């Protein structure tokens, strides 16, 4: 009887040692820190006389499957472009992802327009030229298509340029003072409005030109502004101006040598520079179509 119990206990110990050895061998071969779960605590093994020895049951732990949802988006893993129409003209953007919710985007816009008209007797030709580049960090806070984008406008070559020819005998007014263009040396004027080259801005939009799900095409819409600071107005005149209250023979003088004309011109430029302060913010609005490669 005693010999039989000793034999059964020996068998249990051998089974336990064999199970532990198999677990250690599996861990060493896989190189992972796993777990060897023994369910014998819940399924009791008895070693009474005439009983059957039940081998411990083991439960394996499976590793978590790695998918694109758990790993996210690799930086610079794809490229997308878009073509759009905006207040700044016709443009394009190139974008690449930084993470699941961030894109890096850069692009340019171009627009030109020219016209001619008459103002205070002067023949004026004006040209509007919009040329600028931009770079932005697109943040998708909700993981969908809505985005917020701090941006930087660089290489801002937006400019308004105008020239004026005041026909002989025509009158112009500067700071409330009338001047008559000389018949022998008519007045010619030039002017320009310039903006700062680098400007910060902010926009919000709808549409991701790098779709995170299936598909290649998108329709991005964007609205916002960038700060250009105080625009700079410059005006200059050449030729001769005449005092309408004096005879032309004695009342005409080159504007370069007329201190009164230069003083009134300076006041005119200063007043209009103040009026341009409303143009410190340039609006952004665009709609386009994008394609992800």
Protein backbone atom coordinates (compact mmCIF):
# COMPACT_ATOMS: atom_id res chain seq x y z
CA UNK A 1 0.00 0.00 0.00
CA UNK A 2 2.76 2.41 0.96
CA UNK A 3 4.77 1.42 -2.11
CA UNK A 4 1.75 2.14 -4.36
CA UNK A 5 1.25 5.67 -2.90
CA UNK A 6 4.97 6.43 -3.27
CA UNK A 7 4.78 5.29 -6.90
CA UNK A 8 1.76 7.53 -7.64
CA UNK A 9 3.42 10.55 -6.01
CA UNK A 10 6.54 9.93 -8.09
CA UNK A 11 4.44 9.86 -11.27
CA UNK A 12 2.81 13.24 -10.37
CA UNK A 13 6.19 14.84 -9.70
CA UNK A 14 7.54 13.54 -13.02
CA UNK A 15 4.55 14.95 -14.92
CA UNK A 16 4.96 18.36 -13.23
CA UNK A 17 8.66 18.49 -14.06
CA UNK A 18 7.99 17.47 -17.66
CA UNK A 19 5.38 20.23 -18.07
CA UNK A 20 7.74 22.89 -16.65
CA UNK A 21 10.53 21.72 -18.96
CA UNK A 22 8.32 21.97 -22.05
CA UNK A 23 7.28 25.54 -21.09
CA UNK A 24 10.90 26.66 -20.62
CA UNK A 25 11.92 25.10 -23.91
CA UNK A 26 9.10 26.86 -25.78
CA UNK A 27 10.06 30.24 -24.26
CA UNK A 28 13.74 29.81 -25.17
CA UNK A 29 12.88 28.90 -28.77
CA UNK A 30 10.44 31.79 -29.31
CA UNK A 31 12.58 34.39 -27.53
CA UNK A 32 9.44 35.97 -26.03
CA UNK A 33 8.41 36.48 -22.44
CA UNK A 34 5.28 34.41 -22.45
CA UNK A 35 3.15 32.69 -19.81
CA UNK A 36 2.61 29.00 -19.06
CA UNK A 37 -0.84 28.80 -17.64
CA UNK A 38 -1.74 25.70 -15.65
CA UNK A 39 -5.42 24.94 -15.37
CA UNK A 40 -4.81 22.11 -12.90
CA UNK A 41 -5.75 24.50 -10.11
CA UNK A 42 -9.29 24.43 -11.41
CA UNK A 43 -9.27 20.80 -12.51
CA UNK A 44 -8.03 18.95 -9.46
CA UNK A 45 -5.83 15.91 -9.83
CA UNK A 46 -6.23 13.20 -7.28
CA UNK A 47 -3.73 10.55 -6.38
CA UNK A 48 -5.83 8.15 -4.38
CA UNK A 49 -5.66 4.45 -4.82
CA UNK A 50 -7.00 3.23 -8.16
CA UNK A 51 -7.35 6.81 -9.54
CA UNK A 52 -6.20 7.91 -12.96
CA UNK A 53 -3.46 10.53 -13.23
CA UNK A 54 -4.70 13.47 -15.28
CA UNK A 55 -2.06 15.55 -17.05
CA UNK A 56 -2.31 19.31 -16.41
CA UNK A 57 -4.10 21.31 -19.08
CA UNK A 58 -2.21 24.29 -20.58
CA UNK A 59 -3.68 27.47 -22.07
CA UNK A 60 -1.67 29.33 -24.74
CA UNK A 61 -1.58 33.13 -24.99
CA UNK A 62 -1.77 34.44 -28.58
CA UNK A 63 -0.02 37.72 -29.48
CA UNK A 64 -2.12 40.75 -30.55
CA UNK A 65 -2.39 40.96 -34.33
CA UNK A 66 -0.55 43.97 -35.74
CA UNK A 67 -2.66 45.95 -38.23
CA UNK A 68 -2.56 49.39 -39.85
CA UNK A 69 -5.04 50.58 -37.23
CA UNK A 70 -2.61 49.80 -34.41
CA UNK A 71 0.58 50.93 -36.13
CA UNK A 72 -0.80 54.21 -37.59
CA UNK A 73 0.59 55.96 -40.68
CA UNK A 74 4.30 56.06 -41.41
CA UNK A 75 5.72 59.57 -42.05
CA UNK A 76 6.31 60.42 -45.73
CA UNK A 77 4.81 57.07 -46.78
CA UNK A 78 2.76 58.59 -49.63
CA UNK A 79 2.35 61.75 -51.72
CA UNK A 80 -0.71 63.62 -52.98
CA UNK A 81 -1.24 66.68 -55.16
CA UNK A 82 -4.16 69.00 -55.79
CA UNK A 83 -5.08 71.74 -58.24
CA UNK A 84 -7.33 74.52 -56.97
CA UNK A 85 -8.91 77.86 -57.72
CA UNK A 86 -8.64 80.50 -55.00
CA UNK A 87 -8.76 84.24 -54.27
CA UNK A 88 -5.01 84.19 -54.90
CA UNK A 89 -5.53 82.71 -58.37
CA UNK A 90 -4.86 79.26 -59.77
CA UNK A 91 -2.58 77.07 -57.67
CA UNK A 92 -1.44 73.64 -56.63
CA UNK A 93 -0.48 71.82 -53.42
CA UNK A 94 1.74 68.84 -52.62
CA UNK A 95 1.19 66.95 -49.34
CA UNK A 96 2.60 64.00 -47.42
CA UNK A 97 1.46 62.42 -44.12
CA UNK A 98 3.36 62.84 -40.85
CA UNK A 99 1.05 60.68 -38.73
CA UNK A 100 -2.56 59.53 -38.64
CA UNK A 101 -3.80 63.07 -37.92
CA UNK A 102 -1.12 65.34 -39.39
CA UNK A 103 -0.13 66.24 -42.95
CA UNK A 104 2.65 68.49 -44.22
CA UNK A 105 1.50 70.56 -47.21
CA UNK A 106 3.11 73.17 -49.45
CA UNK A 107 2.13 74.92 -52.68
CA UNK A 108 1.86 78.11 -54.72
CA UNK A 109 -0.77 80.44 -56.20
CA UNK A 110 -0.63 82.68 -59.29
CA UNK A 111 -2.87 85.45 -60.65
CA UNK A 112 -2.52 88.53 -62.87
CA UNK A 113 -4.97 91.23 -63.92
CA UNK A 114 -4.56 94.53 -65.74
CA UNK A 115 -6.90 97.42 -66.52
CA UNK A 116 -6.91 101.06 -67.67
CA UNK A 117 -9.14 103.92 -66.56
CA UNK A 118 -9.26 107.68 -66.05
CA UNK A 119 -9.07 109.39 -62.67
CA UNK A 120 -9.00 113.15 -62.12
CA UNK A 121 -8.11 113.69 -65.78
CA UNK A 122 -5.18 111.25 -65.73
CA UNK A 123 -4.91 108.14 -67.90
CA UNK A 124 -4.07 105.32 -65.49
CA UNK A 125 -2.91 101.79 -66.21
CA UNK A 126 -2.99 99.38 -63.26
CA UNK A 127 -1.72 95.81 -62.91
CA UNK A 128 -2.47 93.41 -60.10
CA UNK A 129 0.03 90.58 -59.68
CA UNK A 130 -0.39 87.81 -57.11
CA UNK A 131 2.53 85.41 -56.64
CA UNK A 132 3.10 83.54 -53.38
CA UNK A 133 4.07 80.22 -51.87
CA UNK A 134 2.74 78.66 -48.68
CA UNK A 135 3.47 75.82 -46.27
CA UNK A 136 1.05 74.46 -43.66
CA UNK A 137 0.66 71.79 -41.02
CA UNK A 138 -2.77 70.18 -41.45
CA UNK A 139 -4.25 68.78 -38.24
CA UNK A 140 -7.32 66.52 -38.33
CA UNK A 141 -8.46 66.70 -34.67
CA UNK A 142 -11.37 64.26 -35.05
CA UNK A 143 -9.65 61.84 -37.40
CA UNK A 144 -12.03 62.68 -40.25
CA UNK A 145 -11.94 65.24 -43.06
CA UNK A 146 -12.21 68.44 -41.00
CA UNK A 147 -8.86 70.11 -40.42
CA UNK A 148 -7.16 73.10 -38.80
CA UNK A 149 -4.02 74.48 -40.43
CA UNK A 150 -1.47 76.97 -39.10
CA UNK A 151 0.43 78.20 -42.15
CA UNK A 152 3.25 80.39 -43.38
CA UNK A 153 3.11 82.39 -46.62
CA UNK A 154 6.59 82.90 -48.07
CA UNK A 155 7.96 84.50 -51.24
CA UNK A 156 4.99 86.87 -51.17
CA UNK A 157 5.29 88.82 -54.41
CA UNK A 158 1.73 90.16 -54.35
CA UNK A 159 1.89 93.65 -55.81
CA UNK A 160 -0.18 96.40 -57.39
CA UNK A 161 1.63 98.60 -59.93
CA UNK A 162 0.15 101.64 -61.70
CA UNK A 163 1.34 104.31 -64.11
CA UNK A 164 -0.37 107.59 -64.93
CA UNK A 165 -0.10 110.10 -67.75
CA UNK A 166 -1.65 113.48 -67.10
CA UNK A 167 -2.40 115.05 -70.52
CA UNK A 168 -1.27 118.62 -71.12
CA UNK A 169 -3.74 121.12 -69.67
CA UNK A 170 -5.42 118.50 -67.43
CA UNK A 171 -5.75 119.17 -63.72
CA UNK A 172 -4.94 116.86 -60.81
CA UNK A 173 -5.53 117.46 -57.11
CA UNK A 174 -3.06 116.54 -54.36
CA UNK A 175 -4.00 117.18 -50.74
CA UNK A 176 -6.60 119.73 -51.82
CA UNK A 177 -4.24 121.65 -54.12
CA UNK A 178 -4.85 121.79 -57.89
CA UNK A 179 -2.03 121.37 -60.41
CA UNK A 180 -2.17 121.71 -64.20
CA UNK A 181 0.00 119.46 -66.33
CA UNK A 182 2.50 121.44 -68.40
CA UNK A 183 2.01 121.60 -72.17
CA UNK A 184 5.76 121.26 -72.77
CA UNK A 185 6.59 118.72 -70.04
CA UNK A 186 3.45 116.76 -69.07
CA UNK A 187 3.19 115.04 -65.72
CA UNK A 188 3.93 111.31 -65.49
CA UNK A 189 3.18 109.37 -62.35
CA UNK A 190 3.96 105.90 -61.03
CA UNK A 191 2.81 104.05 -57.95
CA UNK A 192 2.96 100.67 -56.28
CA UNK A 193 1.56 98.81 -53.29
CA UNK A 194 3.82 96.14 -51.78
CA UNK A 195 3.37 93.60 -48.98
CA UNK A 196 5.72 91.83 -46.59
CA UNK A 197 7.48 88.78 -48.00
CA UNK A 198 6.77 86.34 -45.13
CA UNK A 199 3.40 86.24 -43.37
CA UNK A 200 1.81 83.94 -40.76
CA UNK A 201 -1.74 82.72 -41.22
CA UNK A 202 -4.41 80.23 -40.25
CA UNK A 203 -7.08 78.31 -42.13
CA UNK A 204 -9.68 75.63 -41.63
CA UNK A 205 -10.95 73.26 -44.23
CA UNK A 206 -12.78 70.12 -45.17
CA UNK A 207 -11.22 67.34 -47.17
CA UNK A 208 -8.01 65.34 -46.85
CA UNK A 209 -6.00 65.11 -50.08
CA UNK A 210 -4.32 62.04 -48.55
CA UNK A 211 -7.34 59.82 -47.78
CA UNK A 212 -6.65 57.52 -44.84
CA UNK A 213 -9.16 55.01 -46.16
CA UNK A 214 -9.54 53.51 -49.61
CA UNK A 215 -9.66 55.89 -52.54
CA UNK A 216 -7.41 58.31 -54.39
CA UNK A 217 -9.53 61.39 -55.16
CA UNK A 218 -10.63 64.20 -52.83
CA UNK A 219 -12.29 67.63 -53.05
CA UNK A 220 -10.56 69.93 -50.52
CA UNK A 221 -12.15 73.22 -49.47
CA UNK A 222 -10.22 75.83 -47.45
CA UNK A 223 -10.97 79.22 -45.86
CA UNK A 224 -8.83 81.46 -43.68
CA UNK A 225 -6.46 84.44 -43.75
CA UNK A 226 -2.83 85.47 -43.46
CA UNK A 227 -1.39 88.65 -41.95
CA UNK A 228 0.54 90.84 -44.42
CA UNK A 229 1.03 93.83 -42.13
CA UNK A 230 0.68 97.43 -43.25
CA UNK A 231 0.85 97.63 -47.08
CA UNK A 232 3.39 100.10 -48.40
CA UNK A 233 2.16 102.70 -50.92
CA UNK A 234 4.75 104.52 -53.04
CA UNK A 235 3.93 107.35 -55.48
CA UNK A 236 6.27 109.44 -57.58
CA UNK A 237 5.82 112.10 -60.29
CA UNK A 238 8.05 113.50 -63.00
CA UNK A 239 7.45 116.42 -65.35
CA UNK A 240 6.26 119.95 -64.68
CA UNK A 241 3.15 121.21 -62.90
CA UNK A 242 1.63 124.65 -63.28
CA UNK A 243 -0.17 126.85 -60.78
CA UNK A 244 -3.66 127.43 -62.26
CA UNK A 245 -3.70 130.93 -60.78
CA UNK A 246 -0.51 131.96 -62.60
CA UNK A 247 0.29 132.38 -66.31
CA UNK A 248 1.96 129.27 -67.79
CA UNK A 249 5.10 131.21 -68.63
CA UNK A 250 5.85 131.88 -64.97
CA UNK A 251 3.60 129.46 -63.11
CA UNK A 252 5.09 126.14 -64.28
CA UNK A 253 7.91 124.35 -62.48
CA UNK A 254 9.48 120.91 -62.42
CA UNK A 255 7.87 118.85 -59.64
CA UNK A 256 11.32 117.71 -58.49
CA UNK A 257 12.16 121.32 -57.61
CA UNK A 258 8.75 122.36 -56.29
CA UNK A 259 8.71 121.99 -52.46
CA UNK A 260 4.98 122.70 -52.31
CA UNK A 261 4.21 119.88 -54.76
CA UNK A 262 6.45 117.44 -52.85
CA UNK A 263 4.84 118.39 -49.54
CA UNK A 264 1.33 117.81 -50.89
CA UNK A 265 2.44 114.53 -52.47
CA UNK A 266 3.85 113.32 -49.12
CA UNK A 267 0.56 114.18 -47.38
CA UNK A 268 -1.39 112.34 -50.12
CA UNK A 269 0.74 109.20 -49.72
CA UNK A 270 0.50 109.29 -45.92
CA UNK A 271 -3.29 109.60 -45.95
CA UNK A 272 -3.74 106.75 -48.41
CA UNK A 273 -1.27 104.53 -46.54
CA UNK A 274 -3.51 104.97 -43.51
CA UNK A 275 -6.54 104.04 -45.60
CA UNK A 276 -4.79 100.82 -46.67
CA UNK A 277 -4.47 99.59 -43.08
CA UNK A 278 -7.66 97.54 -43.60
CA UNK A 279 -5.69 95.39 -46.07
CA UNK A 280 -3.41 94.01 -43.34
CA UNK A 281 -5.21 90.66 -43.54
CA UNK A 282 -5.43 88.82 -46.85
CA UNK A 283 -8.32 86.35 -47.18
CA UNK A 284 -7.95 82.70 -48.17
CA UNK A 285 -10.62 80.70 -49.92
CA UNK A 286 -10.06 77.83 -52.32
CA UNK A 287 -11.68 74.72 -53.73
CA UNK A 288 -9.93 72.06 -55.75
CA UNK A 289 -9.49 68.41 -56.57
CA UNK A 290 -6.74 66.19 -55.20
CA UNK A 291 -5.20 62.84 -56.09
CA UNK A 292 -3.22 60.50 -53.84
CA UNK A 293 -0.53 58.38 -55.49
